[in-house]
Amino acid sequence: MDEATLRSLLEALAASPDNAALRVAVIRGLASAGDARAAEHVGPLAPSAVSPADRAFVSGVLLRAGAL
């Protein structure tokens, strides 16, 4: 994901912080870029709002960040 797309997703997330699908897209984009901010965006994400595959991915992000 290029920087412009990631910046647009971050702006959209700021406007719609309860959008779980958008939050996961931001987390995936940051994580794929090696950006440590990926774990910072997990906080308000409700596990019941995302698929098992997304929960597993997000758990991995948190583990790599040392947050779990």
N, C-alpha and C. Protein backbone atom coordinates (compact mmCIF):
# COMPACT_ATOMS: atom_id res chain seq x y z
N MET A 1 0.85 -1.17 0.00
CA MET A 1 0.00 0.00 0.00
C MET A 1 0.90 1.23 0.00
N ASP A 2 0.60 2.17 -0.89
CA ASP A 2 1.44 3.36 -0.95
C ASP A 2 1.07 4.35 0.16
N GLU A 3 1.97 5.30 0.37
CA GLU A 3 1.81 6.26 1.47
C GLU A 3 0.55 7.12 1.31
N ALA A 4 0.23 7.50 0.09
CA ALA A 4 -0.96 8.33 -0.13
C ALA A 4 -2.23 7.59 0.24
N THR A 5 -2.31 6.33 -0.12
CA THR A 5 -3.48 5.52 0.22
C THR A 5 -3.57 5.35 1.72
N LEU A 6 -2.47 5.07 2.35
CA LEU A 6 -2.44 4.90 3.80
C LEU A 6 -2.85 6.19 4.50
N ARG A 7 -2.37 7.31 4.03
CA ARG A 7 -2.74 8.60 4.60
C ARG A 7 -4.25 8.84 4.46
N SER A 8 -4.81 8.49 3.30
CA SER A 8 -6.25 8.64 3.08
C SER A 8 -7.05 7.74 4.02
N LEU A 9 -6.57 6.52 4.22
CA LEU A 9 -7.26 5.61 5.14
C LEU A 9 -7.20 6.14 6.57
N LEU A 10 -6.07 6.68 6.97
CA LEU A 10 -5.95 7.24 8.32
C LEU A 10 -6.90 8.43 8.50
N GLU A 11 -7.03 9.26 7.47
CA GLU A 11 -7.95 10.40 7.53
C GLU A 11 -9.39 9.91 7.62
N ALA A 12 -9.72 8.90 6.85
CA ALA A 12 -11.07 8.34 6.89
C ALA A 12 -11.35 7.72 8.25
N LEU A 13 -10.37 7.06 8.84
CA LEU A 13 -10.55 6.47 10.16
C LEU A 13 -10.75 7.54 11.22
N ALA A 14 -10.08 8.65 11.09
CA ALA A 14 -10.28 9.75 12.03
C ALA A 14 -11.71 10.27 11.97
N ALA A 15 -12.30 10.24 10.78
CA ALA A 15 -13.67 10.70 10.61
C ALA A 15 -14.70 9.64 11.01
N SER A 16 -14.32 8.36 10.93
CA SER A 16 -15.23 7.25 11.23
C SER A 16 -14.54 6.23 12.12
N PRO A 17 -14.24 6.61 13.37
CA PRO A 17 -13.45 5.72 14.23
C PRO A 17 -14.13 4.41 14.62
N ASP A 18 -15.44 4.31 14.45
CA ASP A 18 -16.15 3.07 14.79
C ASP A 18 -16.27 2.10 13.64
N ASN A 19 -15.70 2.43 12.49
CA ASN A 19 -15.77 1.57 11.32
C ASN A 19 -14.71 0.47 11.45
N ALA A 20 -15.15 -0.72 11.86
CA ALA A 20 -14.21 -1.82 12.14
C ALA A 20 -13.47 -2.26 10.89
N ALA A 21 -14.15 -2.35 9.76
CA ALA A 21 -13.48 -2.79 8.52
C ALA A 21 -12.40 -1.80 8.12
N LEU A 22 -12.68 -0.53 8.25
CA LEU A 22 -11.69 0.50 7.93
C LEU A 22 -10.53 0.43 8.91
N ARG A 23 -10.82 0.23 10.18
CA ARG A 23 -9.76 0.12 11.19
C ARG A 23 -8.84 -1.05 10.87
N VAL A 24 -9.41 -2.18 10.48
CA VAL A 24 -8.58 -3.34 10.13
C VAL A 24 -7.74 -3.03 8.89
N ALA A 25 -8.32 -2.34 7.92
CA ALA A 25 -7.56 -1.97 6.72
C ALA A 25 -6.37 -1.08 7.08
N VAL A 26 -6.58 -0.15 8.00
CA VAL A 26 -5.49 0.71 8.46
C VAL A 26 -4.43 -0.11 9.17
N ILE A 27 -4.84 -0.99 10.05
CA ILE A 27 -3.90 -1.84 10.78
C ILE A 27 -3.10 -2.69 9.81
N ARG A 28 -3.77 -3.29 8.84
CA ARG A 28 -3.07 -4.11 7.83
C ARG A 28 -2.09 -3.26 7.01
N GLY A 29 -2.52 -2.07 6.61
CA GLY A 29 -1.65 -1.21 5.81
C GLY A 29 -0.41 -0.78 6.58
N LEU A 30 -0.61 -0.38 7.82
CA LEU A 30 0.53 0.03 8.65
C LEU A 30 1.46 -1.15 8.92
N ALA A 31 0.87 -2.29 9.24
CA ALA A 31 1.69 -3.48 9.53
C ALA A 31 2.49 -3.91 8.30
N SER A 32 1.87 -3.87 7.13
CA SER A 32 2.60 -4.29 5.93
C SER A 32 3.73 -3.33 5.59
N ALA A 33 3.60 -2.08 6.04
CA ALA A 33 4.66 -1.09 5.82
C ALA A 33 5.71 -1.15 6.93
N GLY A 34 5.51 -2.04 7.91
CA GLY A 34 6.45 -2.14 9.02
C GLY A 34 6.33 -0.99 10.00
N ASP A 35 5.19 -0.33 10.00
CA ASP A 35 4.96 0.85 10.84
C ASP A 35 4.44 0.41 12.21
N ALA A 36 5.14 0.77 13.26
CA ALA A 36 4.78 0.37 14.61
C ALA A 36 3.44 0.95 15.07
N ARG A 37 2.94 1.96 14.37
CA ARG A 37 1.65 2.54 14.74
C ARG A 37 0.50 1.56 14.54
N ALA A 38 0.73 0.46 13.85
CA ALA A 38 -0.35 -0.51 13.62
C ALA A 38 -0.99 -0.92 14.94
N ALA A 39 -0.19 -1.23 15.93
CA ALA A 39 -0.72 -1.68 17.22
C ALA A 39 -1.49 -0.58 17.94
N GLU A 40 -1.14 0.66 17.70
CA GLU A 40 -1.82 1.78 18.35
C GLU A 40 -3.27 1.93 17.90
N HIS A 41 -3.59 1.41 16.74
CA HIS A 41 -4.94 1.54 16.20
C HIS A 41 -5.86 0.38 16.58
N VAL A 42 -5.36 -0.57 17.34
CA VAL A 42 -6.17 -1.73 17.72
C VAL A 42 -7.13 -1.41 18.84
N GLY A 43 -6.72 -0.58 19.80
CA GLY A 43 -7.45 -0.31 21.02
C GLY A 43 -8.96 -0.39 20.99
N PRO A 44 -9.64 0.45 20.20
CA PRO A 44 -11.09 0.46 20.24
C PRO A 44 -11.76 -0.63 19.40
N LEU A 45 -10.98 -1.50 18.79
CA LEU A 45 -11.53 -2.54 17.93
C LEU A 45 -12.16 -3.65 18.77
N ALA A 46 -13.45 -3.89 18.59
CA ALA A 46 -14.15 -4.95 19.31
C ALA A 46 -13.95 -6.27 18.58
N PRO A 47 -13.48 -7.31 19.27
CA PRO A 47 -13.25 -8.59 18.61
C PRO A 47 -14.49 -9.13 17.88
N SER A 48 -15.66 -8.89 18.43
CA SER A 48 -16.88 -9.39 17.80
C SER A 48 -17.21 -8.68 16.49
N ALA A 49 -16.54 -7.56 16.22
CA ALA A 49 -16.83 -6.77 15.03
C ALA A 49 -16.02 -7.21 13.81
N VAL A 50 -15.10 -8.16 14.00
CA VAL A 50 -14.24 -8.57 12.89
C VAL A 50 -14.24 -10.09 12.75
N SER A 51 -13.82 -10.54 11.59
CA SER A 51 -13.79 -11.97 11.29
C SER A 51 -12.69 -12.67 12.09
N PRO A 52 -12.79 -13.98 12.22
CA PRO A 52 -11.73 -14.72 12.91
C PRO A 52 -10.35 -14.50 12.27
N ALA A 53 -10.31 -14.42 10.96
CA ALA A 53 -9.02 -14.20 10.28
C ALA A 53 -8.45 -12.83 10.65
N ASP A 54 -9.31 -11.82 10.71
CA ASP A 54 -8.84 -10.48 11.09
C ASP A 54 -8.43 -10.45 12.56
N ARG A 55 -9.15 -11.16 13.42
CA ARG A 55 -8.76 -11.24 14.83
C ARG A 55 -7.38 -11.87 14.96
N ALA A 56 -7.13 -12.92 14.19
CA ALA A 56 -5.82 -13.58 14.24
C ALA A 56 -4.72 -12.62 13.77
N PHE A 57 -5.00 -11.90 12.70
CA PHE A 57 -4.01 -10.95 12.18
C PHE A 57 -3.71 -9.87 13.21
N VAL A 58 -4.76 -9.30 13.78
CA VAL A 58 -4.59 -8.22 14.76
C VAL A 58 -3.86 -8.74 16.00
N SER A 59 -4.15 -9.96 16.40
CA SER A 59 -3.43 -10.56 17.53
C SER A 59 -1.94 -10.65 17.23
N GLY A 60 -1.62 -11.02 16.00
CA GLY A 60 -0.22 -11.08 15.60
C GLY A 60 0.45 -9.73 15.65
N VAL A 61 -0.27 -8.70 15.23
CA VAL A 61 0.28 -7.33 15.30
C VAL A 61 0.58 -6.97 16.73
N LEU A 62 -0.36 -7.28 17.63
CA LEU A 62 -0.15 -6.97 19.04
C LEU A 62 1.00 -7.78 19.65
N LEU A 63 1.09 -9.03 19.28
CA LEU A 63 2.20 -9.86 19.78
C LEU A 63 3.55 -9.31 19.33
N ARG A 64 3.65 -8.95 18.05
CA ARG A 64 4.92 -8.41 17.54
C ARG A 64 5.27 -7.09 18.20
N ALA A 65 4.25 -6.34 18.60
CA ALA A 65 4.49 -5.05 19.27
C ALA A 65 4.78 -5.21 20.75
N GLY A 66 4.62 -6.43 21.25
CA GLY A 66 4.85 -6.68 22.67
C GLY A 66 3.71 -6.21 23.54
N ALA A 67 2.53 -6.02 22.92
CA ALA A 67 1.38 -5.51 23.65
C ALA A 67 0.57 -6.63 24.32
N LEU A 68 0.87 -7.87 24.01
CA LEU A 68 0.16 -9.01 24.63
C LEU A 68 1.14 -9.84 25.41
